[in-house]
Amino acid sequence: MSEQFSVNRELFDEVMVPNYAPSAVIPVRGQGSRVWDQQNNEYVDFAGGIAVNCLGHCHPALVGALKDQGEKIWHLSNVMTNEPALRLAKKLVDNTFAEKVYFANSGAEANESALKLARRWALNEFGEQKTQIIAFKQGFHGRTFFTVTVGGQEAYSAGFGPRPADIVHAEYNNLDSVKALISDKTCAIMIEPLQGEGGIVSPTPEFIQGVRELCDEHNALLIFDEVQTGAGRLGALYAYMDLGVTPDILTSAKGLGGGIPIGAMLTTTDIAKHLVIGTHGSTYGGNPLACAVAEAVMDIITDDTVLAAVKTKSQQYIDGLNAINAKYDVFKEIRGKGLLLGAVLNDKYQGRAKDFLVAAMAEGVMTLVAGANIIRFAPSLIIPEEDITEGLARFEKAVAKIVS
């Protein structure tokens, strides 16, 4: 039966719940770091599906893995295990501190499992009084009610009734604020090793190492939310590897699947033993299709040359953005690490990050925001240098239009 309606932006308003305000542009095709819309307009992709498309669009290895597994078996449920899940788990264990892996469908679900595990571990090891979770203001950990409460942005958790209890928030890069909250009743500290949604804020070495030491002193677990920072995004396979700090639990998603929904929670055998049969689960978690694609992603992003190139490309972005700023004076600073960068608007352009995003789209380059004052860049880890050059040229045109 042929379609009797137009598939356009207006249809969104007609049939979709209004919790998003998507662009009028509807992409229909992608290749590498380029995307084409319904009118065949081309865009350079500096957004990466919010740090998800770590190998760009339609990477041959990922397409091949999808087609190959798609003709074998898609889904089983966790009544049985499957080969792709086992291979992927083995590769994650072999390449990280972890000894055990739990698979979910998203970053929020991976974080949910990490928080539940921390509470169960504390109950079993220390008793029912050890329930406090410390997180950080402006943090972001997902949209389930537990994770959105742990996330330190009031706007996301307000208006949904009573929240999960015993969750408090310290200030990022302020170790004294953590010391003021932590006690022997603390079961875990959850932290991003670089705050993403909260403004592309890197931790100081003293702060992140101090948080690890405080956890050790108070028998609390350190949970690293690496949903956005992991899978090579910052130039190491996982961000903790460049910080000299090892967490007790690590969560991964976004880039891990290269565009296929998957999440993972990684931990040690001693901690994992507290999630016994029946304590947690996921119908789709660890399904063969997602795991086969994620395995192909892992095979590429564990290559040292790919990770080294992330740092080179990062400098190309920083140099390019600084050159634009030298002409137009719109940024206060460029911050971030690897290919998760933020251009912070100066006082003259406060609150106008979305204006820059819209102007950039009109010039043929896709960007992101991180709050009202920061333009965020999270492109493919293997974006060609010429695409960075072209995208920045288009972005400069957008900046010029706003400034004029």
Protein backbone atom coordinates (compact mmCIF):
# COMPACT_ATOMS: atom_id res chain seq x y z
CA MET A 1 0.00 0.00 0.00
CA SER A 2 1.47 3.37 -0.99
CA GLU A 3 1.80 6.24 1.50
CA GLN A 4 -1.16 8.65 1.48
CA PHE A 5 0.63 11.32 3.48
CA SER A 6 3.78 13.46 3.35
CA VAL A 7 6.69 12.49 5.58
CA ASN A 8 7.89 15.91 6.67
CA ARG A 9 8.52 18.04 9.75
CA GLU A 10 4.83 18.89 10.03
CA LEU A 11 4.04 15.19 10.45
CA PHE A 12 6.19 15.20 13.58
CA ASP A 13 3.89 17.73 15.23
CA GLU A 14 0.89 15.66 14.19
CA VAL A 15 1.96 12.21 15.42
CA MET A 16 4.81 12.58 17.92
CA VAL A 17 4.77 13.41 21.64
CA PRO A 18 5.96 17.05 21.90
CA ASN A 19 8.98 16.48 24.14
CA TYR A 20 11.40 17.30 21.29
CA ALA A 21 11.72 20.29 18.98
CA PRO A 22 13.63 18.80 16.04
CA SER A 23 15.13 20.72 13.17
CA ALA A 24 13.16 21.16 9.96
CA VAL A 25 15.96 19.20 8.26
CA ILE A 26 15.22 15.48 7.90
CA PRO A 27 18.37 13.54 6.99
CA VAL A 28 17.81 10.48 4.82
CA ARG A 29 21.30 9.28 3.95
CA GLY A 30 24.82 9.39 5.38
CA GLN A 31 28.29 8.36 4.29
CA GLY A 32 31.35 8.90 6.43
CA SER A 33 31.08 12.40 7.91
CA ARG A 34 28.61 13.71 5.33
CA VAL A 35 24.80 13.61 5.51
CA TRP A 36 22.11 14.41 2.93
CA ASP A 37 18.56 15.54 3.64
CA GLN A 38 15.25 15.01 1.82
CA GLN A 39 16.12 17.79 -0.63
CA ASN A 40 19.60 16.29 -1.21
CA ASN A 41 21.32 19.15 0.61
CA GLU A 42 24.70 18.06 1.98
CA TYR A 43 25.94 18.60 5.55
CA VAL A 44 29.26 17.99 7.26
CA ASP A 45 28.50 16.11 10.47
CA PHE A 46 30.22 17.64 13.51
CA ALA A 47 27.51 16.30 15.84
CA GLY A 48 28.00 12.56 15.48
CA GLY A 49 24.50 11.79 16.70
CA ILE A 50 25.58 13.27 20.08
CA ALA A 51 28.86 11.34 20.26
CA VAL A 52 27.26 8.12 19.02
CA ASN A 53 28.39 7.77 15.40
CA CYS A 54 32.01 7.24 16.38
CA LEU A 55 32.89 5.77 12.97
CA GLY A 56 30.65 8.06 10.96
CA HIS A 57 27.76 6.87 8.81
CA CYS A 58 27.63 3.49 7.06
CA HIS A 59 31.15 2.40 7.91
CA PRO A 60 31.80 -0.73 5.82
CA ALA A 61 32.88 -2.85 8.81
CA LEU A 62 29.71 -1.96 10.73
CA VAL A 63 27.45 -2.45 7.73
CA GLY A 64 29.12 -5.80 7.13
CA ALA A 65 28.65 -6.90 10.74
CA LEU A 66 25.00 -5.83 10.66
CA LYS A 67 24.26 -7.68 7.42
CA ASP A 68 26.14 -10.78 8.50
CA GLN A 69 24.44 -11.06 11.89
CA GLY A 70 21.11 -9.92 10.44
CA GLU A 71 21.02 -13.11 8.38
CA LYS A 72 21.82 -15.32 11.38
CA ILE A 73 19.94 -14.43 14.56
CA TRP A 74 18.66 -11.14 15.97
CA HIS A 75 17.23 -11.83 19.39
CA LEU A 76 17.05 -14.62 21.93
CA SER A 77 16.39 -13.09 25.38
CA ASN A 78 18.67 -13.85 28.29
CA VAL A 79 17.25 -17.32 28.81
CA MET A 80 20.17 -18.12 26.51
CA THR A 81 23.48 -16.40 25.84
CA ASN A 82 24.87 -15.76 22.37
CA GLU A 83 28.21 -15.66 20.60
CA PRO A 84 28.40 -11.91 19.73
CA ALA A 85 27.63 -10.94 23.35
CA LEU A 86 30.31 -13.26 24.67
CA ARG A 87 32.90 -12.03 22.18
CA LEU A 88 32.10 -8.38 22.91
CA ALA A 89 32.24 -8.92 26.67
CA LYS A 90 35.61 -10.65 26.32
CA LYS A 91 36.99 -7.73 24.31
CA LEU A 92 35.73 -5.20 26.86
CA VAL A 93 37.27 -7.18 29.72
CA ASP A 94 40.56 -7.69 27.90
CA ASN A 95 40.90 -3.97 27.15
CA THR A 96 39.85 -2.46 30.50
CA PHE A 97 40.18 -2.92 34.27
CA ALA A 98 36.93 -4.86 34.31
CA GLU A 99 36.34 -8.56 34.85
CA LYS A 100 32.58 -8.69 34.33
CA VAL A 101 30.13 -7.03 31.92
CA TYR A 102 26.36 -6.44 31.94
CA PHE A 103 24.66 -5.38 28.69
CA ALA A 104 21.71 -3.00 28.35
CA ASN A 105 20.25 -0.87 25.54
CA SER A 106 21.33 2.65 26.47
CA GLY A 107 23.49 4.81 28.67
CA ALA A 108 20.63 5.48 31.06
CA GLU A 109 20.05 1.75 31.49
CA ALA A 110 23.77 1.11 32.00
CA ASN A 111 23.80 3.82 34.67
CA GLU A 112 20.64 2.45 36.27
CA SER A 113 22.29 -0.94 36.60
CA ALA A 114 25.45 0.64 38.06
CA LEU A 115 23.46 2.51 40.71
CA LYS A 116 21.39 -0.55 41.61
CA LEU A 117 24.54 -2.64 41.89
CA ALA A 118 26.19 -0.06 44.15
CA ARG A 119 23.19 -0.02 46.48
CA ARG A 120 23.01 -3.84 46.55
CA TRP A 121 26.76 -4.14 47.16
CA ALA A 122 26.58 -1.70 50.07
CA LEU A 123 23.56 -3.44 51.60
CA ASN A 124 25.21 -6.85 51.45
CA GLU A 125 28.66 -5.73 52.58
CA PHE A 126 27.88 -3.02 55.15
CA GLY A 127 24.17 -2.99 56.01
CA GLU A 128 21.05 -1.02 55.18
CA GLN A 129 22.29 2.35 56.48
CA LYS A 130 24.87 2.71 53.66
CA THR A 131 22.69 4.13 50.88
CA GLN A 132 23.87 7.67 50.10
CA ILE A 133 24.87 8.42 46.51
CA ILE A 134 26.95 11.52 45.75
CA ALA A 135 26.83 12.98 42.26
CA PHE A 136 27.60 16.42 40.84
CA LYS A 137 25.75 19.59 39.96
CA GLN A 138 25.30 19.96 36.19
CA GLY A 139 25.96 16.24 35.77
CA PHE A 140 23.92 14.14 33.39
CA HIS A 141 23.36 10.39 33.71
CA GLY A 142 20.20 9.62 31.72
CA ARG A 143 16.44 10.04 31.80
CA THR A 144 15.15 7.18 33.95
CA PHE A 145 13.78 8.51 37.23
CA PHE A 146 16.75 7.16 39.20
CA THR A 147 19.40 8.45 36.79
CA VAL A 148 17.74 11.81 36.22
CA THR A 149 17.62 12.33 40.00
CA VAL A 150 21.30 11.45 40.28
CA GLY A 151 22.00 13.87 37.42
CA GLY A 152 22.55 17.31 38.86
CA GLN A 153 20.19 19.35 36.68
CA GLU A 154 17.00 20.27 38.48
CA ALA A 155 15.05 21.05 35.30
CA TYR A 156 15.23 17.41 34.16
CA SER A 157 13.93 15.85 37.37
CA ALA A 158 11.37 18.40 38.56
CA GLY A 159 7.66 17.87 38.09
CA PHE A 160 7.46 14.08 38.25
CA GLY A 161 6.57 13.57 41.89
CA PRO A 162 8.65 12.18 44.78
CA ARG A 163 12.20 11.32 43.78
CA PRO A 164 14.46 8.45 44.80
CA ALA A 165 15.96 9.33 48.16
CA ASP A 166 19.44 9.75 49.63
CA ILE A 167 21.01 11.41 46.59
CA VAL A 168 23.12 14.56 47.10
CA HIS A 169 25.14 16.77 44.78
CA ALA A 170 28.62 18.23 45.15
CA GLU A 171 30.36 20.76 42.90
CA TYR A 172 32.53 19.46 40.07
CA ASN A 173 36.23 20.25 40.56
CA ASN A 174 35.58 21.24 44.18
CA LEU A 175 36.97 18.48 46.38
CA ASP A 176 35.97 20.27 49.58
CA SER A 177 32.32 20.08 48.51
CA VAL A 178 32.68 16.30 48.25
CA LYS A 179 34.39 16.09 51.64
CA ALA A 180 31.48 18.02 53.16
CA LEU A 181 28.99 15.37 51.97
CA ILE A 182 30.80 12.05 52.16
CA SER A 183 30.57 9.75 55.16
CA ASP A 184 30.57 6.06 55.98
CA LYS A 185 26.91 6.08 54.90
CA THR A 186 27.98 6.88 51.31
CA CYS A 187 27.71 3.84 49.06
CA ALA A 188 28.91 5.42 45.81
CA ILE A 189 30.08 8.53 44.00
CA MET A 190 28.93 8.78 40.38
CA ILE A 191 30.91 11.13 38.16
CA GLU A 192 31.59 11.89 34.53
CA PRO A 193 35.37 11.98 33.89
CA LEU A 194 34.55 15.03 31.75
CA GLN A 195 31.18 16.68 32.18
CA GLY A 196 29.37 16.60 28.82
CA GLU A 197 25.87 18.04 28.95
CA GLY A 198 26.98 20.16 31.90
CA GLY A 199 29.36 22.23 29.79
CA ILE A 200 32.35 20.19 28.51
CA VAL A 201 34.21 20.56 31.81
CA SER A 202 37.44 18.59 32.35
CA PRO A 203 38.42 17.48 35.85
CA THR A 204 41.63 18.67 37.42
CA PRO A 205 44.02 15.80 38.26
CA GLU A 206 43.90 16.74 41.94
CA PHE A 207 40.12 16.63 41.99
CA ILE A 208 39.57 13.31 40.25
CA GLN A 209 42.35 11.62 42.23
CA GLY A 210 40.96 13.12 45.43
CA VAL A 211 37.51 11.69 44.70
CA ARG A 212 39.09 8.23 44.28
CA GLU A 213 40.89 8.60 47.63
CA LEU A 214 37.71 9.71 49.41
CA CYS A 215 35.87 6.66 48.09
CA ASP A 216 38.63 4.42 49.40
CA GLU A 217 38.60 6.11 52.82
CA HIS A 218 34.84 5.68 53.23
CA ASN A 219 34.37 2.25 51.57
CA ALA A 220 32.34 3.77 48.74
CA LEU A 221 32.34 2.70 45.11
CA LEU A 222 33.56 5.08 42.41
CA ILE A 223 31.31 4.94 39.34
CA PHE A 224 32.57 6.51 36.14
CA ASP A 225 29.82 7.44 33.71
CA GLU A 226 31.71 7.08 30.42
CA VAL A 227 28.61 7.03 28.23
CA GLN A 228 29.83 10.09 26.34
CA THR A 229 33.56 10.08 27.16
CA GLY A 230 34.21 6.42 26.38
CA ALA A 231 34.67 4.40 23.19
CA GLY A 232 37.69 6.48 22.13
CA ARG A 233 35.98 9.85 22.32
CA LEU A 234 38.74 11.59 24.32
CA GLY A 235 41.66 9.84 22.66
CA ALA A 236 41.92 6.86 25.01
CA LEU A 237 39.65 3.82 24.81
CA TYR A 238 38.10 5.03 28.07
CA ALA A 239 38.82 8.37 29.72
CA TYR A 240 39.93 6.85 33.03
CA MET A 241 43.01 5.50 31.27
CA ASP A 242 44.45 9.00 30.81
CA LEU A 243 43.53 10.16 34.32
CA GLY A 244 45.51 7.69 36.41
CA VAL A 245 42.32 6.81 38.28
CA THR A 246 40.53 3.48 38.01
CA PRO A 247 36.82 3.32 38.89
CA ASP A 248 35.05 0.38 40.54
CA ILE A 249 32.22 0.50 38.00
CA LEU A 250 32.25 2.01 34.51
CA THR A 251 29.32 2.58 32.18
CA SER A 252 29.54 2.75 28.39
CA ALA A 253 27.06 3.35 25.57
CA LYS A 254 26.77 5.93 22.74
CA GLY A 255 29.89 5.29 20.65
CA LEU A 256 30.12 1.66 21.77
CA GLY A 257 27.48 0.71 19.21
CA GLY A 258 28.49 3.19 16.52
CA GLY A 259 24.80 4.00 16.00
CA ILE A 260 23.16 0.76 17.16
CA PRO A 261 21.59 1.10 20.64
CA ILE A 262 23.69 -0.69 23.25
CA GLY A 263 24.89 0.00 26.78
CA ALA A 264 27.33 -1.80 29.03
CA MET A 265 28.16 -1.77 32.72
CA LEU A 266 31.68 -2.95 33.55
CA THR A 267 32.98 -3.92 36.97
CA THR A 268 35.06 -6.39 38.96
CA THR A 269 34.15 -9.94 39.88
CA ASP A 270 34.01 -9.09 43.58
CA ILE A 271 31.47 -6.30 43.04
CA ALA A 272 29.52 -8.05 40.27
CA LYS A 273 28.74 -11.04 42.50
CA HIS A 274 26.08 -8.98 44.27
CA LEU A 275 23.81 -8.97 41.21
CA VAL A 276 22.69 -12.55 41.63
CA ILE A 277 20.11 -14.27 39.42
CA GLY A 278 16.86 -12.32 39.35
CA THR A 279 18.16 -9.03 40.78
CA HIS A 280 18.35 -7.18 37.46
CA GLY A 281 17.77 -7.80 33.78
CA SER A 282 16.91 -6.53 30.32
CA THR A 283 14.88 -8.21 27.58
CA TYR A 284 16.94 -6.78 24.74
CA GLY A 285 20.23 -6.27 26.60
CA GLY A 286 23.07 -8.18 24.96
CA ASN A 287 21.08 -9.08 21.88
CA PRO A 288 23.18 -10.63 19.08
CA LEU A 289 22.51 -7.90 16.51
CA ALA A 290 23.66 -5.00 18.70
CA CYS A 291 26.61 -6.94 20.10
CA ALA A 292 27.85 -7.97 16.65
CA VAL A 293 27.97 -4.33 15.53
CA ALA A 294 29.56 -3.19 18.80
CA GLU A 295 32.21 -5.89 18.40
CA ALA A 296 33.09 -4.44 14.99
CA VAL A 297 33.32 -0.99 16.61
CA MET A 298 35.65 -2.32 19.31
CA ASP A 299 37.92 -3.94 16.74
CA ILE A 300 38.49 -0.52 15.15
CA ILE A 301 38.63 1.84 18.14
CA THR A 302 41.11 -0.33 20.05
CA ASP A 303 43.64 0.43 17.32
CA ASP A 304 46.30 2.77 18.73
CA THR A 305 46.58 4.63 15.43
CA VAL A 306 42.86 5.48 15.52
CA LEU A 307 43.14 6.75 19.10
CA ALA A 308 46.28 8.76 18.34
CA ALA A 309 44.53 10.39 15.37
CA VAL A 310 41.72 11.55 17.69
CA LYS A 311 44.23 13.76 19.47
CA THR A 312 45.60 15.11 16.18
CA LYS A 313 42.12 15.92 14.89
CA SER A 314 41.29 17.54 18.23
CA GLN A 315 44.12 20.02 17.74
CA GLN A 316 42.91 20.75 14.21
CA TYR A 317 39.50 21.70 15.64
CA ILE A 318 41.01 23.82 18.41
CA ASP A 319 43.30 25.66 16.01
CA GLY A 320 40.45 26.21 13.55
CA LEU A 321 38.04 27.50 16.19
CA ASN A 322 40.70 29.80 17.64
CA ALA A 323 41.33 31.18 14.14
CA ILE A 324 37.61 31.89 13.72
CA ASN A 325 37.56 33.56 17.12
CA ALA A 326 40.54 35.74 16.23
CA LYS A 327 38.42 37.19 13.40
CA TYR A 328 35.02 37.45 15.06
CA ASP A 329 35.55 37.51 18.86
CA VAL A 330 32.64 35.28 19.85
CA PHE A 331 34.22 32.68 22.17
CA LYS A 332 35.48 33.02 25.71
CA GLU A 333 37.41 29.74 25.47
CA ILE A 334 37.61 26.40 23.69
CA ARG A 335 37.50 23.53 26.15
CA GLY A 336 37.20 19.79 26.28
CA LYS A 337 39.42 16.93 25.19
CA GLY A 338 39.83 14.68 22.16
CA LEU A 339 36.77 14.96 19.95
CA LEU A 340 34.41 16.23 22.64
CA LEU A 341 34.94 19.98 22.45
CA GLY A 342 33.01 23.04 23.51
CA ALA A 343 33.24 26.60 22.19
CA VAL A 344 32.11 28.79 25.09
CA LEU A 345 30.36 31.98 24.00
CA ASN A 346 31.65 35.23 25.45
CA ASP A 347 29.54 37.82 27.26
CA LYS A 348 28.33 39.47 24.03
CA TYR A 349 26.62 36.27 22.87
CA GLN A 350 25.30 34.82 26.13
CA GLY A 351 22.35 32.45 25.72
CA ARG A 352 22.70 32.22 21.93
CA ALA A 353 24.27 28.79 21.40
CA LYS A 354 21.11 27.57 19.66
CA ASP A 355 21.34 30.52 17.24
CA PHE A 356 24.81 29.36 16.21
CA LEU A 357 23.56 25.78 15.77
CA VAL A 358 20.70 26.92 13.52
CA ALA A 359 22.98 29.21 11.50
CA ALA A 360 25.53 26.41 11.10
CA MET A 361 22.84 24.05 9.82
CA ALA A 362 21.84 26.66 7.24
CA GLU A 363 25.46 26.74 6.05
CA GLY A 364 25.66 22.94 5.81
CA VAL A 365 27.35 21.83 9.04
CA MET A 366 25.72 19.96 11.92
CA THR A 367 26.76 20.96 15.45
CA LEU A 368 25.43 20.53 19.00
CA VAL A 369 24.96 22.67 22.09
CA ALA A 370 25.78 21.99 25.74
CA GLY A 371 23.51 24.41 27.49
CA ALA A 372 22.65 27.91 26.29
CA ASN A 373 26.22 29.19 26.05
CA ILE A 374 28.31 26.40 24.55
CA ILE A 375 28.52 25.02 21.01
CA ARG A 376 29.53 21.37 21.22
CA PHE A 377 31.43 19.29 18.68
CA ALA A 378 31.42 15.46 18.82
CA PRO A 379 32.20 14.22 15.30
CA SER A 380 33.27 10.81 14.05
CA LEU A 381 36.59 9.69 15.51
CA ILE A 382 37.80 8.98 11.98
CA ILE A 383 36.49 12.16 10.33
CA PRO A 384 38.91 13.04 7.49
CA GLU A 385 41.01 16.16 7.97
CA GLU A 386 39.51 17.65 4.79
CA ASP A 387 36.01 17.29 6.26
CA ILE A 388 37.13 19.14 9.39
CA THR A 389 38.54 21.91 7.19
CA GLU A 390 35.37 22.11 5.09
CA GLY A 391 33.06 21.97 8.12
CA LEU A 392 34.96 24.71 9.90
CA ALA A 393 34.80 26.88 6.77
CA ARG A 394 31.03 26.46 6.75
CA PHE A 395 30.88 27.12 10.48
CA GLU A 396 32.85 30.34 9.98
CA LYS A 397 30.24 31.51 7.48
CA ALA A 398 27.56 30.89 10.12
CA VAL A 399 29.51 32.86 12.73
CA ALA A 400 30.01 35.70 10.26
CA LYS A 401 26.24 35.92 9.64
CA ILE A 402 25.44 36.11 13.34
CA VAL A 403 28.12 38.71 14.01
CA SER A 404 27.16 40.92 11.05
